[in-house]
Amino acid sequence: MKVKHWISLSLASLIFVGCVGTMAKNQTTEPELPAKPELATQAKTPASTIVKSGSFQSGEHPTQGKAQIVTQNGKSFLELDQGFKTSSLGPDLVVVLHRSNNVLGSAKPPSYPLKEGEYVVLAPLQKFNGAQSYAIPANVNLKNFQSTVIWCRKFNATFGTAPLS
């Protein structure tokens, strides 16, 4: 009985070692290529110009980070920084530009609802935290908008807002 047990254990060990050896053989490493100078340093990329910026304030849900509007090659973008963070509790969260510089002061708590005609929707929120960028349509006159808002369209609730100046 002990011999059968010993043979079974030996066969299992042999199979295991054989599989590990085969796996190691099949894994090849790519040869390291010599470093090439970055093309980006050779080609000049147009610089972004910051038009407006501000820090987020919490509305119905905790929201933090910074937002800025930048222009590059004649196009405008709203950028949220790496420190941006908002709640993941809302469905249908969108990023909007708002006409007021005091969205929270001009709306009623706890949801701080937005009124139609006071904002323009840029796009659905890409992610609940971290850096992200949103194109601003060319027909949007940035002089008419004073804040950016993270807004739950389904429940008309302002998660957070950043006055821009």
N, C-alpha and C. Protein backbone atom coordinates (compact mmCIF):
# COMPACT_ATOMS: atom_id res chain seq x y z
N MET A 1 0.82 -1.18 0.00
CA MET A 1 0.00 0.00 0.00
C MET A 1 0.87 1.26 0.00
N LYS A 2 1.95 1.20 0.77
CA LYS A 2 2.84 2.35 0.83
C LYS A 2 3.52 2.56 -0.51
N VAL A 3 3.79 1.50 -1.23
CA VAL A 3 4.47 1.60 -2.52
C VAL A 3 3.56 2.31 -3.52
N LYS A 4 2.27 1.97 -3.52
CA LYS A 4 1.32 2.63 -4.42
C LYS A 4 1.24 4.13 -4.12
N HIS A 5 1.20 4.45 -2.87
CA HIS A 5 1.15 5.85 -2.45
C HIS A 5 2.40 6.60 -2.90
N TRP A 6 3.56 5.96 -2.70
CA TRP A 6 4.84 6.56 -3.09
C TRP A 6 4.92 6.75 -4.60
N ILE A 7 4.47 5.77 -5.38
CA ILE A 7 4.49 5.86 -6.85
C ILE A 7 3.57 6.98 -7.32
N SER A 8 2.38 7.08 -6.74
CA SER A 8 1.42 8.14 -7.11
C SER A 8 2.00 9.52 -6.83
N LEU A 9 2.61 9.65 -5.68
CA LEU A 9 3.21 10.93 -5.31
C LEU A 9 4.37 11.28 -6.24
N SER A 10 5.17 10.28 -6.59
CA SER A 10 6.31 10.51 -7.50
C SER A 10 5.83 10.93 -8.88
N LEU A 11 4.80 10.27 -9.41
CA LEU A 11 4.26 10.62 -10.72
C LEU A 11 3.68 12.03 -10.72
N ALA A 12 2.95 12.37 -9.68
CA ALA A 12 2.37 13.71 -9.59
C ALA A 12 3.46 14.77 -9.56
N SER A 13 4.53 14.52 -8.81
CA SER A 13 5.64 15.46 -8.74
C SER A 13 6.32 15.60 -10.09
N LEU A 14 6.50 14.49 -10.77
CA LEU A 14 7.15 14.50 -12.08
C LEU A 14 6.33 15.30 -13.09
N ILE A 15 5.03 15.09 -13.08
CA ILE A 15 4.15 15.83 -13.99
C ILE A 15 4.20 17.32 -13.67
N PHE A 16 4.17 17.66 -12.40
CA PHE A 16 4.21 19.06 -11.99
C PHE A 16 5.50 19.73 -12.45
N VAL A 17 6.63 19.09 -12.21
CA VAL A 17 7.93 19.64 -12.60
C VAL A 17 8.01 19.75 -14.11
N GLY A 18 7.49 18.78 -14.83
CA GLY A 18 7.49 18.82 -16.29
C GLY A 18 6.67 19.97 -16.82
N CYS A 19 5.52 20.24 -16.20
CA CYS A 19 4.66 21.35 -16.64
C CYS A 19 5.33 22.69 -16.38
N VAL A 20 5.96 22.83 -15.24
CA VAL A 20 6.62 24.08 -14.91
C VAL A 20 7.76 24.34 -15.89
N GLY A 21 8.52 23.30 -16.23
CA GLY A 21 9.62 23.45 -17.17
C GLY A 21 9.12 23.84 -18.55
N THR A 22 8.00 23.25 -18.98
CA THR A 22 7.42 23.59 -20.29
C THR A 22 6.93 25.02 -20.30
N MET A 23 6.30 25.45 -19.22
CA MET A 23 5.81 26.83 -19.14
C MET A 23 6.98 27.81 -19.21
N ALA A 24 8.06 27.52 -18.52
CA ALA A 24 9.21 28.42 -18.52
C ALA A 24 9.83 28.50 -19.90
N LYS A 25 9.83 27.36 -20.65
CA LYS A 25 10.40 27.34 -21.99
C LYS A 25 9.56 28.18 -22.95
N ASN A 26 8.23 28.14 -22.78
CA ASN A 26 7.32 28.85 -23.68
C ASN A 26 7.30 30.35 -23.44
N GLN A 27 7.74 30.78 -22.30
CA GLN A 27 7.74 32.21 -22.00
C GLN A 27 9.06 32.80 -22.47
N THR A 28 8.97 33.58 -23.52
CA THR A 28 10.17 34.23 -24.02
C THR A 28 10.12 35.69 -23.68
N THR A 29 11.25 36.26 -23.55
CA THR A 29 11.29 37.69 -23.28
C THR A 29 11.71 38.40 -24.55
N GLU A 30 11.13 39.55 -24.74
CA GLU A 30 11.47 40.37 -25.90
C GLU A 30 12.85 40.97 -25.68
N PRO A 31 13.68 40.97 -26.70
CA PRO A 31 14.98 41.61 -26.52
C PRO A 31 14.80 43.10 -26.32
N GLU A 32 15.62 43.63 -25.46
CA GLU A 32 15.52 45.07 -25.20
C GLU A 32 16.03 45.84 -26.40
N LEU A 33 15.21 46.80 -26.81
CA LEU A 33 15.59 47.65 -27.92
C LEU A 33 16.33 48.86 -27.39
N PRO A 34 17.28 49.35 -28.12
CA PRO A 34 17.96 50.55 -27.65
C PRO A 34 16.97 51.71 -27.60
N ALA A 35 17.13 52.53 -26.60
CA ALA A 35 16.23 53.66 -26.42
C ALA A 35 16.39 54.64 -27.58
N LYS A 36 15.22 55.05 -28.10
CA LYS A 36 15.23 56.04 -29.18
C LYS A 36 14.82 57.38 -28.59
N PRO A 37 15.36 58.44 -29.08
CA PRO A 37 14.91 59.74 -28.57
C PRO A 37 13.44 59.93 -28.90
N GLU A 38 12.73 60.51 -27.98
CA GLU A 38 11.30 60.75 -28.16
C GLU A 38 11.05 61.72 -29.29
N LEU A 39 10.12 61.35 -30.15
CA LEU A 39 9.76 62.24 -31.24
C LEU A 39 9.04 63.48 -30.72
N ALA A 40 8.35 63.31 -29.59
CA ALA A 40 7.60 64.44 -29.05
C ALA A 40 8.52 65.59 -28.68
N THR A 41 9.73 65.28 -28.30
CA THR A 41 10.64 66.36 -27.94
C THR A 41 11.16 67.07 -29.18
N GLN A 42 11.16 66.35 -30.31
CA GLN A 42 11.64 66.96 -31.54
C GLN A 42 10.55 67.79 -32.20
N ALA A 43 9.32 67.28 -32.19
CA ALA A 43 8.22 68.02 -32.81
C ALA A 43 7.62 68.94 -31.76
N LYS A 44 7.40 70.16 -32.13
CA LYS A 44 6.84 71.11 -31.17
C LYS A 44 5.32 70.93 -31.13
N THR A 45 4.81 70.72 -29.91
CA THR A 45 3.37 70.63 -29.75
C THR A 45 2.88 71.98 -29.27
N PRO A 46 1.75 72.41 -29.80
CA PRO A 46 1.24 73.71 -29.38
C PRO A 46 0.89 73.70 -27.89
N ALA A 47 1.21 74.75 -27.22
CA ALA A 47 0.95 74.86 -25.79
C ALA A 47 -0.53 75.13 -25.54
N SER A 48 -1.03 74.59 -24.43
CA SER A 48 -2.39 74.87 -24.01
C SER A 48 -2.40 76.18 -23.25
N THR A 49 -3.47 76.94 -23.43
CA THR A 49 -3.64 78.19 -22.70
C THR A 49 -4.80 78.01 -21.73
N ILE A 50 -4.56 78.27 -20.45
CA ILE A 50 -5.62 78.17 -19.46
C ILE A 50 -6.48 79.42 -19.55
N VAL A 51 -7.78 79.21 -19.78
CA VAL A 51 -8.72 80.32 -19.91
C VAL A 51 -9.36 80.64 -18.56
N LYS A 52 -9.83 79.60 -17.87
CA LYS A 52 -10.47 79.74 -16.55
C LYS A 52 -10.13 78.51 -15.73
N SER A 53 -10.17 78.66 -14.40
CA SER A 53 -9.95 77.50 -13.54
C SER A 53 -10.66 77.71 -12.21
N GLY A 54 -10.85 76.62 -11.48
CA GLY A 54 -11.49 76.69 -10.18
C GLY A 54 -11.44 75.36 -9.46
N SER A 55 -11.85 75.36 -8.19
CA SER A 55 -11.85 74.16 -7.36
C SER A 55 -13.28 73.72 -7.08
N PHE A 56 -13.48 72.40 -7.04
CA PHE A 56 -14.81 71.86 -6.79
C PHE A 56 -15.25 72.06 -5.35
N GLN A 57 -16.55 72.27 -5.21
CA GLN A 57 -17.22 72.34 -3.91
C GLN A 57 -18.28 71.25 -3.92
N SER A 58 -18.48 70.61 -2.78
CA SER A 58 -19.48 69.55 -2.70
C SER A 58 -20.89 70.11 -2.73
N GLY A 59 -21.76 69.42 -3.43
CA GLY A 59 -23.19 69.74 -3.44
C GLY A 59 -23.91 68.66 -2.67
N GLU A 60 -24.72 67.87 -3.38
CA GLU A 60 -25.45 66.79 -2.72
C GLU A 60 -24.52 65.66 -2.28
N HIS A 61 -23.40 65.50 -2.97
CA HIS A 61 -22.44 64.44 -2.64
C HIS A 61 -21.03 65.03 -2.59
N PRO A 62 -20.13 64.41 -1.82
CA PRO A 62 -18.75 64.92 -1.75
C PRO A 62 -18.10 64.94 -3.14
N THR A 63 -17.54 66.07 -3.49
CA THR A 63 -16.84 66.25 -4.76
C THR A 63 -15.63 67.14 -4.50
N GLN A 64 -14.49 66.77 -5.07
CA GLN A 64 -13.26 67.54 -4.85
C GLN A 64 -12.39 67.51 -6.09
N GLY A 65 -11.40 68.38 -6.11
CA GLY A 65 -10.47 68.46 -7.23
C GLY A 65 -10.53 69.81 -7.89
N LYS A 66 -9.84 69.93 -9.01
CA LYS A 66 -9.78 71.20 -9.74
C LYS A 66 -10.25 70.99 -11.17
N ALA A 67 -10.79 72.06 -11.74
CA ALA A 67 -11.22 72.06 -13.14
C ALA A 67 -10.61 73.27 -13.82
N GLN A 68 -10.34 73.13 -15.10
CA GLN A 68 -9.85 74.27 -15.87
C GLN A 68 -10.32 74.15 -17.31
N ILE A 69 -10.54 75.31 -17.92
CA ILE A 69 -10.85 75.36 -19.34
C ILE A 69 -9.58 75.78 -20.04
N VAL A 70 -9.17 75.00 -21.03
CA VAL A 70 -7.96 75.30 -21.79
C VAL A 70 -8.31 75.37 -23.27
N THR A 71 -7.49 76.13 -24.00
CA THR A 71 -7.63 76.16 -25.46
C THR A 71 -6.33 75.65 -26.06
N GLN A 72 -6.47 74.90 -27.14
CA GLN A 72 -5.32 74.38 -27.87
C GLN A 72 -5.73 74.23 -29.33
N ASN A 73 -4.96 74.83 -30.21
CA ASN A 73 -5.27 74.80 -31.65
C ASN A 73 -6.66 75.35 -31.95
N GLY A 74 -7.08 76.35 -31.21
CA GLY A 74 -8.38 76.96 -31.45
C GLY A 74 -9.56 76.19 -30.90
N LYS A 75 -9.32 75.08 -30.21
CA LYS A 75 -10.40 74.28 -29.62
C LYS A 75 -10.33 74.40 -28.10
N SER A 76 -11.50 74.35 -27.47
CA SER A 76 -11.56 74.47 -26.01
C SER A 76 -11.91 73.13 -25.38
N PHE A 77 -11.33 72.91 -24.19
CA PHE A 77 -11.56 71.68 -23.45
C PHE A 77 -11.73 72.01 -21.97
N LEU A 78 -12.60 71.25 -21.30
CA LEU A 78 -12.71 71.31 -19.85
C LEU A 78 -11.90 70.13 -19.33
N GLU A 79 -10.92 70.41 -18.47
CA GLU A 79 -10.07 69.37 -17.91
C GLU A 79 -10.28 69.27 -16.41
N LEU A 80 -10.47 68.05 -15.92
CA LEU A 80 -10.52 67.78 -14.49
C LEU A 80 -9.18 67.18 -14.11
N ASP A 81 -8.63 67.61 -12.97
CA ASP A 81 -7.28 67.18 -12.60
C ASP A 81 -7.26 65.79 -11.97
N GLN A 82 -6.05 65.31 -11.70
CA GLN A 82 -5.86 63.98 -11.12
C GLN A 82 -6.52 63.87 -9.75
N GLY A 83 -6.66 64.98 -9.03
CA GLY A 83 -7.28 64.98 -7.71
C GLY A 83 -8.80 64.99 -7.74
N PHE A 84 -9.40 65.00 -8.93
CA PHE A 84 -10.86 65.03 -9.02
C PHE A 84 -11.45 63.73 -8.47
N LYS A 85 -12.54 63.89 -7.69
CA LYS A 85 -13.23 62.73 -7.14
C LYS A 85 -14.66 63.13 -6.80
N THR A 86 -15.62 62.28 -7.18
CA THR A 86 -17.01 62.50 -6.81
C THR A 86 -17.64 61.16 -6.47
N SER A 87 -18.85 61.19 -5.96
CA SER A 87 -19.55 59.97 -5.56
C SER A 87 -19.96 59.15 -6.77
N SER A 88 -19.98 57.84 -6.59
CA SER A 88 -20.41 56.94 -7.66
C SER A 88 -21.87 56.55 -7.50
N LEU A 89 -22.60 57.23 -6.62
CA LEU A 89 -23.97 56.85 -6.31
C LEU A 89 -25.01 57.28 -7.35
N GLY A 90 -24.67 58.18 -8.23
CA GLY A 90 -25.69 58.68 -9.14
C GLY A 90 -25.70 58.00 -10.49
N PRO A 91 -26.90 57.75 -10.99
CA PRO A 91 -26.98 57.32 -12.37
C PRO A 91 -26.95 58.55 -13.28
N ASP A 92 -26.56 58.38 -14.49
CA ASP A 92 -26.65 59.44 -15.50
C ASP A 92 -25.92 60.72 -15.08
N LEU A 93 -24.69 60.57 -14.57
CA LEU A 93 -23.90 61.75 -14.21
C LEU A 93 -23.31 62.37 -15.48
N VAL A 94 -23.44 63.68 -15.59
CA VAL A 94 -22.93 64.41 -16.75
C VAL A 94 -22.11 65.60 -16.27
N VAL A 95 -21.28 66.11 -17.18
CA VAL A 95 -20.47 67.30 -16.92
C VAL A 95 -21.12 68.43 -17.68
N VAL A 96 -21.40 69.53 -16.97
CA VAL A 96 -22.05 70.67 -17.61
C VAL A 96 -21.28 71.95 -17.33
N LEU A 97 -21.50 72.93 -18.20
CA LEU A 97 -21.07 74.30 -17.94
C LEU A 97 -22.32 75.06 -17.53
N HIS A 98 -22.21 75.89 -16.49
CA HIS A 98 -23.36 76.61 -15.94
C HIS A 98 -23.11 78.11 -16.01
N ARG A 99 -24.18 78.86 -16.19
CA ARG A 99 -24.07 80.32 -16.32
C ARG A 99 -23.73 81.02 -15.01
N SER A 100 -24.15 80.46 -13.87
CA SER A 100 -23.94 81.10 -12.57
C SER A 100 -22.54 80.80 -12.02
N ASN A 101 -21.99 81.77 -11.29
CA ASN A 101 -20.72 81.51 -10.60
C ASN A 101 -20.96 81.00 -9.18
N ASN A 102 -22.24 80.89 -8.79
CA ASN A 102 -22.59 80.39 -7.47
C ASN A 102 -23.78 79.43 -7.61
N VAL A 103 -23.54 78.30 -8.21
CA VAL A 103 -24.60 77.33 -8.48
C VAL A 103 -25.25 76.87 -7.18
N LEU A 104 -24.46 76.57 -6.17
CA LEU A 104 -25.02 76.08 -4.91
C LEU A 104 -25.83 77.16 -4.20
N GLY A 105 -25.43 78.42 -4.34
CA GLY A 105 -26.15 79.51 -3.71
C GLY A 105 -27.44 79.86 -4.43
N SER A 106 -27.53 79.51 -5.72
CA SER A 106 -28.72 79.86 -6.49
C SER A 106 -29.72 78.71 -6.58
N ALA A 107 -29.43 77.58 -5.93
CA ALA A 107 -30.33 76.42 -5.96
C ALA A 107 -30.63 75.99 -4.53
N LYS A 108 -31.69 75.19 -4.39
CA LYS A 108 -32.11 74.77 -3.05
C LYS A 108 -31.49 73.42 -2.68
N PRO A 109 -30.93 73.36 -1.44
CA PRO A 109 -30.42 72.08 -0.96
C PRO A 109 -31.60 71.14 -0.68
N PRO A 110 -31.44 69.88 -0.58
CA PRO A 110 -30.17 69.17 -0.59
C PRO A 110 -29.71 68.78 -2.00
N SER A 111 -30.61 68.83 -3.02
CA SER A 111 -30.21 68.32 -4.34
C SER A 111 -29.64 69.39 -5.25
N TYR A 112 -29.86 70.68 -4.94
CA TYR A 112 -29.37 71.80 -5.75
C TYR A 112 -29.74 71.61 -7.23
N PRO A 113 -31.07 71.57 -7.52
CA PRO A 113 -31.50 71.32 -8.90
C PRO A 113 -31.11 72.46 -9.85
N LEU A 114 -30.85 72.10 -11.11
CA LEU A 114 -30.53 73.08 -12.14
C LEU A 114 -31.78 73.41 -12.93
N LYS A 115 -31.85 74.64 -13.43
CA LYS A 115 -32.98 75.06 -14.25
C LYS A 115 -32.57 75.01 -15.72
N GLU A 116 -33.50 74.53 -16.55
CA GLU A 116 -33.23 74.45 -17.98
C GLU A 116 -32.89 75.83 -18.53
N GLY A 117 -31.94 75.86 -19.44
CA GLY A 117 -31.51 77.11 -20.04
C GLY A 117 -30.33 77.76 -19.34
N GLU A 118 -30.00 77.29 -18.13
CA GLU A 118 -28.88 77.86 -17.37
C GLU A 118 -27.58 77.10 -17.59
N TYR A 119 -27.63 76.01 -18.34
CA TYR A 119 -26.46 75.16 -18.48
C TYR A 119 -26.41 74.54 -19.87
N VAL A 120 -25.23 74.00 -20.20
CA VAL A 120 -25.05 73.21 -21.41
C VAL A 120 -24.33 71.92 -21.01
N VAL A 121 -24.86 70.78 -21.45
CA VAL A 121 -24.26 69.49 -21.14
C VAL A 121 -23.09 69.25 -22.09
N LEU A 122 -21.92 68.95 -21.53
CA LEU A 122 -20.75 68.65 -22.35
C LEU A 122 -20.71 67.17 -22.73
N ALA A 123 -20.85 66.29 -21.73
CA ALA A 123 -20.75 64.85 -21.99
C ALA A 123 -21.05 64.09 -20.70
N PRO A 124 -21.31 62.79 -20.82
CA PRO A 124 -21.41 61.96 -19.62
C PRO A 124 -20.07 61.95 -18.89
N LEU A 125 -20.12 61.85 -17.57
CA LEU A 125 -18.90 61.77 -16.77
C LEU A 125 -18.15 60.49 -17.15
N GLN A 126 -16.88 60.61 -17.49
CA GLN A 126 -16.08 59.47 -17.94
C GLN A 126 -15.77 58.50 -16.80
N LYS A 127 -15.42 59.05 -15.65
CA LYS A 127 -15.08 58.22 -14.49
C LYS A 127 -15.27 59.05 -13.23
N PHE A 128 -15.38 58.38 -12.09
CA PHE A 128 -15.69 59.06 -10.83
C PHE A 128 -14.48 59.72 -10.18
N ASN A 129 -13.28 59.42 -10.66
CA ASN A 129 -12.10 60.09 -10.11
C ASN A 129 -10.98 60.11 -11.13
N GLY A 130 -10.06 61.04 -10.92
CA GLY A 130 -8.89 61.12 -11.78
C GLY A 130 -9.03 62.11 -12.92
N ALA A 131 -7.93 62.31 -13.61
CA ALA A 131 -7.85 63.28 -14.70
C ALA A 131 -8.71 62.84 -15.88
N GLN A 132 -9.38 63.80 -16.49
CA GLN A 132 -10.21 63.57 -17.66
C GLN A 132 -10.42 64.87 -18.41
N SER A 133 -10.80 64.77 -19.67
CA SER A 133 -10.93 65.95 -20.52
C SER A 133 -12.20 65.86 -21.35
N TYR A 134 -12.87 67.00 -21.53
CA TYR A 134 -14.12 67.08 -22.28
C TYR A 134 -14.03 68.20 -23.31
N ALA A 135 -14.34 67.88 -24.54
CA ALA A 135 -14.34 68.88 -25.60
C ALA A 135 -15.52 69.82 -25.40
N ILE A 136 -15.29 71.10 -25.59
CA ILE A 136 -16.35 72.11 -25.51
C ILE A 136 -16.72 72.47 -26.94
N PRO A 137 -17.99 72.33 -27.30
CA PRO A 137 -18.39 72.65 -28.68
C PRO A 137 -18.03 74.08 -29.05
N ALA A 138 -17.69 74.28 -30.31
CA ALA A 138 -17.25 75.60 -30.80
C ALA A 138 -18.35 76.65 -30.67
N ASN A 139 -19.62 76.24 -30.68
CA ASN A 139 -20.72 77.21 -30.59
C ASN A 139 -21.01 77.66 -29.16
N VAL A 140 -20.27 77.16 -28.17
CA VAL A 140 -20.46 77.57 -26.77
C VAL A 140 -19.58 78.79 -26.51
N ASN A 141 -20.22 79.91 -26.13
CA ASN A 141 -19.49 81.13 -25.80
C ASN A 141 -19.06 81.04 -24.34
N LEU A 142 -17.77 80.81 -24.11
CA LEU A 142 -17.26 80.60 -22.75
C LEU A 142 -17.49 81.79 -21.83
N LYS A 143 -17.65 82.98 -22.39
CA LYS A 143 -17.90 84.17 -21.57
C LYS A 143 -19.24 84.08 -20.85
N ASN A 144 -20.15 83.25 -21.36
CA ASN A 144 -21.48 83.12 -20.77
C ASN A 144 -21.56 82.08 -19.66
N PHE A 145 -20.49 81.35 -19.42
CA PHE A 145 -20.53 80.26 -18.44
C PHE A 145 -19.47 80.49 -17.37
N GLN A 146 -19.91 80.40 -16.11
CA GLN A 146 -19.05 80.76 -14.97
C GLN A 146 -18.66 79.58 -14.07
N SER A 147 -19.26 78.41 -14.32
CA SER A 147 -18.98 77.25 -13.45
C SER A 147 -19.06 75.97 -14.27
N THR A 148 -18.44 74.94 -13.72
CA THR A 148 -18.68 73.59 -14.24
C THR A 148 -19.35 72.79 -13.13
N VAL A 149 -20.19 71.86 -13.53
CA VAL A 149 -21.01 71.12 -12.56
C VAL A 149 -20.98 69.63 -12.90
N ILE A 150 -20.90 68.80 -11.86
CA ILE A 150 -21.14 67.37 -12.01
C ILE A 150 -22.59 67.18 -11.58
N TRP A 151 -23.41 66.75 -12.53
CA TRP A 151 -24.86 66.79 -12.35
C TRP A 151 -25.48 65.44 -12.66
N CYS A 152 -26.40 65.00 -11.82
CA CYS A 152 -27.20 63.80 -12.06
C CYS A 152 -28.44 64.24 -12.83
N ARG A 153 -28.43 63.99 -14.13
CA ARG A 153 -29.53 64.44 -14.99
C ARG A 153 -30.84 63.76 -14.61
N LYS A 154 -30.79 62.47 -14.29
CA LYS A 154 -32.01 61.70 -13.99
C LYS A 154 -32.78 62.28 -12.80
N PHE A 155 -32.07 62.68 -11.75
CA PHE A 155 -32.72 63.18 -10.55
C PHE A 155 -32.52 64.69 -10.34
N ASN A 156 -31.95 65.37 -11.34
CA ASN A 156 -31.70 66.81 -11.26
C ASN A 156 -31.01 67.17 -9.95
N ALA A 157 -29.89 66.52 -9.71
CA ALA A 157 -29.14 66.73 -8.47
C ALA A 157 -27.70 67.13 -8.79
N THR A 158 -27.25 68.21 -8.17
CA THR A 158 -25.88 68.69 -8.36
C THR A 158 -24.96 68.00 -7.36
N PHE A 159 -24.04 67.18 -7.87
CA PHE A 159 -23.09 66.49 -7.00
C PHE A 159 -22.01 67.44 -6.52
N GLY A 160 -21.54 68.31 -7.40
CA GLY A 160 -20.50 69.27 -7.04
C GLY A 160 -20.35 70.30 -8.14
N THR A 161 -19.75 71.43 -7.78
CA THR A 161 -19.57 72.51 -8.74
C THR A 161 -18.24 73.20 -8.51
N ALA A 162 -17.67 73.71 -9.60
CA ALA A 162 -16.42 74.46 -9.51
C ALA A 162 -16.62 75.81 -10.19
N PRO A 163 -16.69 76.90 -9.39
CA PRO A 163 -16.76 78.23 -10.00
C PRO A 163 -15.46 78.48 -10.78
N LEU A 164 -15.57 79.00 -11.98
CA LEU A 164 -14.41 79.22 -12.84
C LEU A 164 -14.12 80.70 -13.00
N SER A 165 -12.87 81.09 -12.79
CA SER A 165 -12.50 82.50 -13.00
C SER A 165 -11.11 82.56 -13.58
